[in-house]
Amino acid sequence: MCKLFLIILFLFISCDENTEDSPEVNINDYSIFVSLQGSDKVAIIDSNLEFQDTICIDSSCNANDAIDQGPHDIAIDSQNGYWFTTKMNSNVVDMYSLETNELLSSFTTGRMPALITLDQESKLIYISRGMPMAGEDTNIIYELSYSNGFLDSTPINEWDVTFNYAHGINFNKDDSHVYVTSKTNDFIAKINPQEPFSGTNPLLVSMDTLINEDAPTPVNRLVPIQITSKYPYIFIACSGKADEIPGQVQMWDMNQMILLETIEFGINSHPWHIEVSPIEDKVFVTLSGNEIENSGVACIEYGVSHNQITLQELWKTTSSNYGTLHGITVQSDCDGNNYVYATGRTDGNIYKFDALTGEQIGSAQNLANTSAAATGGIDSYSPYCDTCSD
């Protein structure tokens, strides 16, 4: 009996030691967090599109005189147990507990915060600023620490990327750089947070050398919206200028900062947000469309064939019923299933797609129960897959 107890104790300790990389929080459900722009709320649903909770991001959001905070982007730190949202209309970024959804702290930017990206290992958040107004610049990227369990009130760095409307932003954990694009300047900024600000940091690279190779000027043909990455590549969704440049996705080498390949969609497709698969060589992009071309989601496979970079559209799912698709996230479960979730700016819905085939699996309708609350930014949480007992 004693020997049996020692064997069980040894197995328990061995299993526990192998989970040191698991998250500090213990959340059991696969969850999707989505901002409800116009309602001052963030909705949480499960992976089956069943409603879980609604988080009020303003103390007066249930009152008749509620102020429209404009919740926009969502970013989840599943490793450390936090989630963040930008409130565009109040110039604030909020930090919440992933376990309790309690507001932990806030940071006020000098101008509308747009998108956010996280360095989960170092507990750093990078914030872009949104639409420029008269007399205001939106060329600053904030770097803040939340290592103490709250957002520091003073940024570690404020990176001047030179171009205005710095919007798309992505941190790549493998090369520890931050990549930024502008909605009004066809340039990429590559920031090395480990080095001081200088004439070459951020590094500025033109996305359209036929038009402009020098310092950024308001050249606005490609309209880069959002950027994502998987080492050693970055992928940029470009909405394209109406009746001039078709919507496209560009693939870049992040080390040499050179354009490798481009795949084009229709002139009225207007690619918007983009997300890379964490497990496959695929990227997924929302196509916001317009009155001429339907909105939808596309899957693009990338690779190398005969020493040539390839971008290939695997599937595209569009419908006249989709309400101008906007945000996108990819979720993989412990059983190897992969799903894509996209939000509709004009219908307040969330749509779920099979990542392999593009088939629409379901939708969550009008989460805010009001026509004013379009769904916007979205991110997904997946619990730690404990395979110790396998």
Protein backbone atom coordinates (compact mmCIF):
# COMPACT_ATOMS: atom_id res chain seq x y z
CA MET A 1 0.00 0.00 0.00
CA CYS A 2 2.86 2.35 0.84
CA LYS A 3 4.54 1.64 -2.49
CA LEU A 4 1.29 2.39 -4.33
CA PHE A 5 0.99 5.72 -2.51
CA LEU A 6 4.57 6.69 -3.45
CA ILE A 7 3.95 5.82 -7.11
CA ILE A 8 0.79 7.94 -7.20
CA LEU A 9 2.60 10.82 -5.46
CA PHE A 10 5.48 10.62 -7.95
CA LEU A 11 3.10 10.70 -10.93
CA PHE A 12 1.25 13.68 -9.48
CA ILE A 13 4.44 15.66 -8.89
CA SER A 14 5.80 14.80 -12.36
CA CYS A 15 2.62 15.98 -14.01
CA ASP A 16 2.60 19.19 -12.00
CA GLU A 17 6.18 19.99 -12.97
CA ASN A 18 5.33 19.77 -16.66
CA THR A 19 2.68 22.51 -16.39
CA GLU A 20 5.00 25.34 -15.43
CA ASP A 21 4.35 27.01 -18.79
CA SER A 22 0.58 26.94 -18.31
CA PRO A 23 -1.30 30.20 -17.67
CA GLU A 24 -1.65 31.52 -14.15
CA VAL A 25 -5.43 31.62 -14.47
CA ASN A 26 -7.76 28.64 -14.60
CA ILE A 27 -10.53 29.41 -17.07
CA ASN A 28 -12.25 26.37 -18.46
CA ASP A 29 -14.21 27.77 -21.39
CA TYR A 30 -13.10 28.67 -24.88
CA SER A 31 -14.25 32.27 -25.04
CA ILE A 32 -14.61 35.05 -27.61
CA PHE A 33 -14.40 38.68 -26.49
CA VAL A 34 -15.91 41.29 -28.80
CA SER A 35 -16.40 45.03 -28.47
CA LEU A 36 -19.92 46.41 -28.92
CA GLN A 37 -19.23 49.83 -30.35
CA GLY A 38 -21.94 52.29 -29.43
CA SER A 39 -23.13 50.44 -26.33
CA ASP A 40 -20.17 50.90 -23.95
CA LYS A 41 -19.96 47.13 -23.53
CA VAL A 42 -17.83 44.11 -24.34
CA ALA A 43 -19.63 40.82 -24.95
CA ILE A 44 -18.25 37.40 -24.10
CA ILE A 45 -19.53 34.31 -25.88
CA ASP A 46 -18.34 30.73 -25.89
CA SER A 47 -16.96 28.89 -28.88
CA ASN A 48 -20.45 27.62 -29.72
CA LEU A 49 -21.67 31.23 -29.99
CA GLU A 50 -23.65 30.97 -26.76
CA PHE A 51 -23.85 34.16 -24.71
CA GLN A 52 -21.75 34.18 -21.51
CA ASP A 53 -21.57 37.72 -20.21
CA THR A 54 -21.60 41.42 -21.01
CA ILE A 55 -19.02 43.70 -19.41
CA CYS A 56 -19.96 47.34 -18.94
CA ILE A 57 -16.88 49.46 -19.63
CA ASP A 58 -18.41 52.68 -18.29
CA SER A 59 -20.08 53.25 -14.92
CA SER A 60 -23.03 54.99 -16.55
CA CYS A 61 -23.49 52.68 -19.52
CA ASN A 62 -26.84 51.49 -18.21
CA ALA A 63 -28.12 55.02 -17.71
CA ASN A 64 -30.14 57.02 -20.21
CA ASP A 65 -27.38 59.63 -20.48
CA ALA A 66 -24.63 57.11 -21.12
CA ILE A 67 -21.58 58.47 -22.93
CA ASP A 68 -20.51 56.56 -26.01
CA GLN A 69 -17.04 55.33 -25.07
CA GLY A 70 -16.52 53.63 -28.41
CA PRO A 71 -14.92 50.30 -27.36
CA HIS A 72 -12.89 49.19 -30.34
CA ASP A 73 -9.97 46.78 -30.21
CA ILE A 74 -9.63 43.74 -27.93
CA ALA A 75 -6.40 41.95 -26.92
CA ILE A 76 -6.17 38.97 -24.58
CA ASP A 77 -3.09 38.00 -22.57
CA SER A 78 -3.94 34.36 -21.90
CA GLN A 79 -0.50 33.69 -20.45
CA ASN A 80 -0.84 36.15 -17.57
CA GLY A 81 -4.60 36.44 -17.21
CA TYR A 82 -5.57 39.88 -18.56
CA TRP A 83 -7.59 41.43 -21.35
CA PHE A 84 -7.53 44.95 -22.77
CA THR A 85 -9.79 47.20 -24.80
CA THR A 86 -9.40 50.61 -26.39
CA LYS A 87 -12.12 53.22 -25.81
CA MET A 88 -11.76 55.47 -28.83
CA ASN A 89 -14.10 58.27 -27.81
CA SER A 90 -12.65 58.78 -24.34
CA ASN A 91 -8.97 58.31 -25.30
CA VAL A 92 -8.57 55.46 -22.80
CA VAL A 93 -7.14 51.93 -22.76
CA ASP A 94 -8.62 49.63 -20.09
CA MET A 95 -7.04 46.56 -18.48
CA TYR A 96 -9.22 43.80 -16.98
CA SER A 97 -8.75 40.55 -15.11
CA LEU A 98 -9.37 37.60 -17.41
CA GLU A 99 -10.57 35.52 -14.47
CA THR A 100 -13.05 37.97 -12.90
CA ASN A 101 -13.52 40.61 -15.66
CA GLU A 102 -12.79 43.25 -13.02
CA LEU A 103 -11.39 46.57 -14.25
CA LEU A 104 -7.81 46.76 -12.94
CA SER A 105 -6.49 50.02 -14.40
CA SER A 106 -6.70 52.50 -17.27
CA PHE A 107 -4.32 54.62 -19.31
CA THR A 108 -5.29 57.84 -21.06
CA THR A 109 -3.69 58.58 -24.43
CA GLY A 110 -3.27 62.03 -25.91
CA ARG A 111 -5.51 61.07 -28.81
CA MET A 112 -7.97 58.36 -29.79
CA PRO A 113 -6.41 54.90 -29.16
CA ALA A 114 -6.95 52.60 -32.12
CA LEU A 115 -5.36 49.13 -31.99
CA ILE A 116 -3.25 47.28 -29.42
CA THR A 117 -0.74 44.44 -29.46
CA LEU A 118 0.89 42.56 -26.58
CA ASP A 119 4.30 41.21 -25.60
CA GLN A 120 3.01 38.63 -23.14
CA GLU A 121 6.45 37.42 -22.03
CA SER A 122 7.57 40.90 -20.96
CA LYS A 123 4.06 42.12 -20.04
CA LEU A 124 4.19 45.09 -22.41
CA ILE A 125 1.37 46.65 -24.42
CA TYR A 126 1.80 48.74 -27.57
CA ILE A 127 -0.93 51.21 -28.54
CA SER A 128 -1.56 52.98 -31.82
CA ARG A 129 -3.56 56.19 -32.08
CA GLY A 130 -6.43 56.62 -34.48
CA MET A 131 -7.99 59.09 -36.86
CA PRO A 132 -6.14 62.43 -36.98
CA MET A 133 -8.05 65.61 -36.22
CA ALA A 134 -7.18 69.21 -37.08
CA GLY A 135 -4.03 70.25 -35.27
CA GLU A 136 -3.49 66.81 -33.71
CA ASP A 137 -0.86 64.23 -34.61
CA THR A 138 -1.45 60.50 -34.49
CA ASN A 139 2.08 59.39 -35.24
CA ILE A 140 2.92 58.19 -31.71
CA ILE A 141 3.10 54.55 -30.59
CA TYR A 142 2.97 54.02 -26.82
CA GLU A 143 4.88 51.27 -25.02
CA LEU A 144 3.51 50.56 -21.52
CA SER A 145 4.30 47.98 -18.89
CA TYR A 146 1.68 46.03 -16.94
CA SER A 147 4.19 43.83 -15.11
CA ASN A 148 2.89 44.98 -11.71
CA GLY A 149 -0.69 43.96 -12.48
CA PHE A 150 -1.78 47.36 -13.74
CA LEU A 151 -1.03 49.74 -16.61
CA ASP A 152 1.81 52.09 -15.72
CA SER A 153 0.74 55.73 -15.81
CA THR A 154 3.91 56.75 -17.66
CA PRO A 155 4.90 55.04 -20.93
CA ILE A 156 8.28 53.34 -21.15
CA ASN A 157 8.62 54.78 -24.65
CA GLU A 158 6.69 56.95 -27.07
CA TRP A 159 7.79 55.99 -30.57
CA ASP A 160 7.43 58.60 -33.31
CA VAL A 161 6.76 56.72 -36.55
CA THR A 162 6.61 60.01 -38.50
CA PHE A 163 3.49 59.16 -40.49
CA ASN A 164 0.01 60.12 -39.31
CA TYR A 165 -2.91 57.78 -38.68
CA ALA A 166 -0.64 55.05 -37.31
CA HIS A 167 -3.27 52.33 -37.07
CA GLY A 168 -2.25 48.74 -37.83
CA ILE A 169 0.12 47.34 -35.20
CA ASN A 170 1.64 43.96 -34.40
CA PHE A 171 4.30 42.64 -31.99
CA ASN A 172 6.24 39.61 -33.19
CA LYS A 173 7.51 37.52 -30.29
CA ASP A 174 10.22 35.76 -32.33
CA ASP A 175 12.14 38.86 -33.39
CA SER A 176 10.79 41.13 -30.59
CA HIS A 177 9.95 43.96 -32.98
CA VAL A 178 6.79 46.01 -33.39
CA TYR A 179 5.40 46.63 -36.88
CA VAL A 180 3.12 49.59 -37.64
CA THR A 181 1.17 50.71 -40.70
CA SER A 182 -0.76 53.89 -41.51
CA LYS A 183 -4.20 54.19 -43.09
CA THR A 184 -3.13 57.34 -44.91
CA ASN A 185 0.55 56.72 -45.69
CA ASP A 186 1.78 53.68 -47.60
CA PHE A 187 4.66 53.01 -45.21
CA ILE A 188 5.67 50.40 -42.64
CA ALA A 189 7.49 51.31 -39.42
CA LYS A 190 9.68 48.64 -37.80
CA ILE A 191 10.39 49.39 -34.14
CA ASN A 192 13.09 47.72 -32.05
CA PRO A 193 11.99 48.32 -28.42
CA GLN A 194 15.40 47.15 -27.17
CA GLU A 195 17.18 50.13 -28.75
CA PRO A 196 16.69 53.87 -28.23
CA PHE A 197 14.81 56.11 -30.62
CA SER A 198 17.09 57.25 -33.47
CA GLY A 199 17.14 58.13 -37.14
CA THR A 200 16.96 54.43 -38.01
CA ASN A 201 14.71 53.26 -35.18
CA PRO A 202 11.92 53.11 -36.15
CA LEU A 203 12.98 51.95 -39.58
CA LEU A 204 10.61 53.33 -42.25
CA VAL A 205 9.97 51.35 -45.42
CA SER A 206 7.83 52.41 -48.37
CA MET A 207 5.16 49.92 -49.41
CA ASP A 208 4.95 51.51 -52.85
CA THR A 209 8.43 52.43 -54.12
CA LEU A 210 7.08 53.38 -57.55
CA ILE A 211 5.34 56.32 -55.90
CA ASN A 212 7.49 57.28 -52.95
CA GLU A 213 10.80 56.02 -51.56
CA ASP A 214 11.57 58.95 -49.26
CA ALA A 215 10.22 60.05 -45.91
CA PRO A 216 6.47 59.55 -45.58
CA THR A 217 4.17 61.96 -47.37
CA PRO A 218 0.39 61.59 -47.65
CA VAL A 219 0.52 59.05 -50.48
CA ASN A 220 -2.57 56.97 -49.95
CA ARG A 221 -3.10 54.37 -52.68
CA LEU A 222 -2.82 51.05 -50.85
CA VAL A 223 -4.65 52.03 -47.62
CA PRO A 224 -2.98 49.49 -45.30
CA ILE A 225 -5.45 48.68 -42.52
CA GLN A 226 -3.95 46.01 -40.28
CA ILE A 227 -0.81 43.90 -39.98
CA THR A 228 -0.07 40.46 -38.56
CA SER A 229 3.04 38.28 -38.48
CA LYS A 230 4.52 34.83 -38.15
CA TYR A 231 8.27 34.68 -38.27
CA PRO A 232 9.88 35.46 -40.66
CA TYR A 233 6.93 37.03 -42.48
CA ILE A 234 4.55 39.91 -41.99
CA PHE A 235 1.19 40.17 -43.72
CA ILE A 236 -0.65 43.42 -44.41
CA ALA A 237 -4.29 43.84 -45.38
CA CYS A 238 -4.65 46.77 -47.79
CA SER A 239 -8.14 48.09 -48.46
CA GLY A 240 -7.12 49.79 -51.70
CA LYS A 241 -8.20 53.15 -53.01
CA ALA A 242 -11.70 53.11 -54.50
CA ASP A 243 -11.81 52.68 -58.30
CA GLU A 244 -7.99 52.76 -58.48
CA ILE A 245 -6.19 50.08 -56.44
CA PRO A 246 -7.77 46.65 -55.78
CA GLY A 247 -7.87 45.24 -52.28
CA GLN A 248 -4.85 43.08 -51.54
CA VAL A 249 -2.77 41.23 -48.98
CA GLN A 250 0.98 41.80 -49.05
CA MET A 251 3.59 39.37 -47.69
CA TRP A 252 6.92 40.81 -46.49
CA ASP A 253 10.22 39.41 -45.21
CA MET A 254 10.55 40.95 -41.75
CA ASN A 255 14.33 40.59 -41.59
CA GLN A 256 15.15 42.26 -44.91
CA MET A 257 11.92 44.32 -45.00
CA ILE A 258 11.28 43.53 -48.65
CA LEU A 259 7.99 42.74 -50.37
CA LEU A 260 7.83 39.04 -51.30
CA GLU A 261 4.41 38.55 -52.84
CA THR A 262 0.97 40.12 -53.25
CA ILE A 263 -2.45 38.57 -53.74
CA GLU A 264 -5.27 40.77 -55.03
CA PHE A 265 -9.01 40.70 -54.48
CA GLY A 266 -11.70 42.72 -56.24
CA ILE A 267 -11.65 46.48 -56.61
CA ASN A 268 -14.62 46.62 -54.21
CA SER A 269 -13.46 43.92 -51.78
CA HIS A 270 -11.76 46.25 -49.25
CA PRO A 271 -9.76 43.84 -47.04
CA TRP A 272 -9.87 44.95 -43.42
CA HIS A 273 -8.50 43.08 -40.42
CA ILE A 274 -6.15 40.12 -40.81
CA GLU A 275 -5.00 37.26 -38.59
CA VAL A 276 -2.37 34.57 -39.03
CA SER A 277 -3.02 30.94 -38.09
CA PRO A 278 -0.97 29.90 -35.04
CA ILE A 279 -0.53 26.34 -36.32
CA GLU A 280 -0.69 26.45 -40.14
CA ASP A 281 0.85 28.50 -42.94
CA LYS A 282 -2.37 30.41 -43.50
CA VAL A 283 -3.73 33.90 -42.98
CA PHE A 284 -7.37 34.92 -42.73
CA VAL A 285 -8.72 38.31 -43.75
CA THR A 286 -12.10 40.00 -43.59
CA LEU A 287 -13.40 41.60 -46.77
CA SER A 288 -15.64 44.49 -45.80
CA GLY A 289 -16.98 44.90 -49.35
CA ASN A 290 -19.53 47.53 -50.37
CA GLU A 291 -22.81 47.87 -52.20
CA ILE A 292 -21.22 46.30 -55.30
CA GLU A 293 -19.23 43.41 -53.82
CA ASN A 294 -20.40 41.26 -50.90
CA SER A 295 -18.58 41.19 -47.59
CA GLY A 296 -16.88 38.01 -46.41
CA VAL A 297 -13.79 36.16 -45.16
CA ALA A 298 -10.91 34.73 -47.19
CA CYS A 299 -8.23 32.17 -46.37
CA ILE A 300 -4.79 32.50 -47.95
CA GLU A 301 -2.08 29.85 -47.83
CA TYR A 302 1.57 30.90 -48.06
CA GLY A 303 4.69 28.88 -48.69
CA VAL A 304 7.78 28.30 -50.80
CA SER A 305 7.61 26.32 -54.04
CA HIS A 306 10.64 25.86 -56.29
CA ASN A 307 12.42 28.67 -54.39
CA GLN A 308 9.47 30.98 -55.08
CA ILE A 309 7.17 32.50 -52.46
CA THR A 310 3.56 31.58 -53.12
CA LEU A 311 0.28 33.10 -51.94
CA GLN A 312 -2.79 31.08 -52.82
CA GLU A 313 -6.44 31.72 -52.01
CA LEU A 314 -7.81 28.48 -50.53
CA TRP A 315 -11.35 29.65 -49.97
CA LYS A 316 -13.50 32.76 -49.81
CA THR A 317 -16.93 32.91 -48.20
CA THR A 318 -19.07 35.94 -48.98
CA SER A 319 -22.73 36.82 -48.54
CA SER A 320 -25.06 39.76 -48.97
CA ASN A 321 -26.25 39.02 -45.42
CA TYR A 322 -22.90 39.85 -43.81
CA GLY A 323 -22.86 43.29 -42.25
CA THR A 324 -19.55 44.76 -43.45
CA LEU A 325 -17.18 42.27 -41.78
CA HIS A 326 -14.53 43.94 -39.65
CA GLY A 327 -12.64 42.16 -36.85
CA ILE A 328 -11.29 38.62 -37.07
CA THR A 329 -9.76 36.02 -34.75
CA VAL A 330 -8.62 32.41 -35.12
CA GLN A 331 -9.15 29.79 -32.42
CA SER A 332 -7.69 26.28 -32.14
CA ASP A 333 -8.90 23.77 -29.56
CA CYS A 334 -7.12 20.85 -27.91
CA ASP A 335 -8.72 18.41 -30.34
CA GLY A 336 -7.12 20.03 -33.39
CA ASN A 337 -10.22 21.88 -34.59
CA ASN A 338 -9.70 25.36 -36.06
CA TYR A 339 -12.30 28.08 -36.36
CA VAL A 340 -12.46 31.65 -37.61
CA TYR A 341 -14.70 34.28 -36.02
CA ALA A 342 -15.52 37.60 -37.71
CA THR A 343 -17.58 40.61 -36.62
CA GLY A 344 -20.05 42.73 -38.57
CA ARG A 345 -19.77 46.50 -38.24
CA THR A 346 -23.26 47.17 -39.54
CA ASP A 347 -25.28 44.28 -38.10
CA GLY A 348 -23.82 43.68 -34.62
CA ASN A 349 -23.29 39.96 -35.32
CA ILE A 350 -20.47 37.45 -34.96
CA TYR A 351 -19.94 34.77 -37.59
CA LYS A 352 -18.16 31.44 -37.13
CA PHE A 353 -16.40 29.64 -39.99
CA ASP A 354 -14.62 26.33 -40.40
CA ALA A 355 -10.98 27.33 -40.92
CA LEU A 356 -10.36 24.39 -43.26
CA THR A 357 -13.31 24.74 -45.64
CA GLY A 358 -14.67 28.26 -45.06
CA GLU A 359 -18.14 26.89 -44.34
CA GLN A 360 -20.17 29.17 -42.09
CA ILE A 361 -20.99 27.15 -38.98
CA GLY A 362 -23.21 29.66 -37.22
CA SER A 363 -23.68 33.20 -36.00
CA ALA A 364 -24.51 35.14 -32.85
CA GLN A 365 -27.14 37.75 -33.65
CA ASN A 366 -27.20 41.36 -32.40
CA LEU A 367 -25.38 40.78 -29.12
CA ALA A 368 -26.14 44.25 -27.76
CA ASN A 369 -29.86 44.11 -28.62
CA THR A 370 -29.61 47.49 -30.28
CA SER A 371 -28.99 48.52 -33.86
CA ALA A 372 -26.45 51.13 -32.70
CA ALA A 373 -23.97 48.61 -31.30
CA ALA A 374 -21.87 47.31 -34.17
CA THR A 375 -19.46 44.52 -33.32
CA GLY A 376 -15.85 45.64 -33.73
CA GLY A 377 -12.60 44.33 -32.28
CA ILE A 378 -12.45 40.64 -31.38
CA ASP A 379 -10.03 38.22 -29.74
CA SER A 380 -10.26 34.64 -28.51
CA TYR A 381 -9.18 32.82 -25.36
CA SER A 382 -8.25 29.14 -25.37
CA PRO A 383 -7.59 27.34 -22.07
CA TYR A 384 -4.34 25.53 -21.51
CA CYS A 385 -4.39 22.06 -23.11
CA ASP A 386 -3.28 19.67 -20.35
CA THR A 387 -1.89 16.62 -22.14
CA CYS A 388 0.07 15.38 -19.14
CA SER A 389 -2.18 12.37 -18.63
CA ASP A 390 -2.08 11.29 -22.30
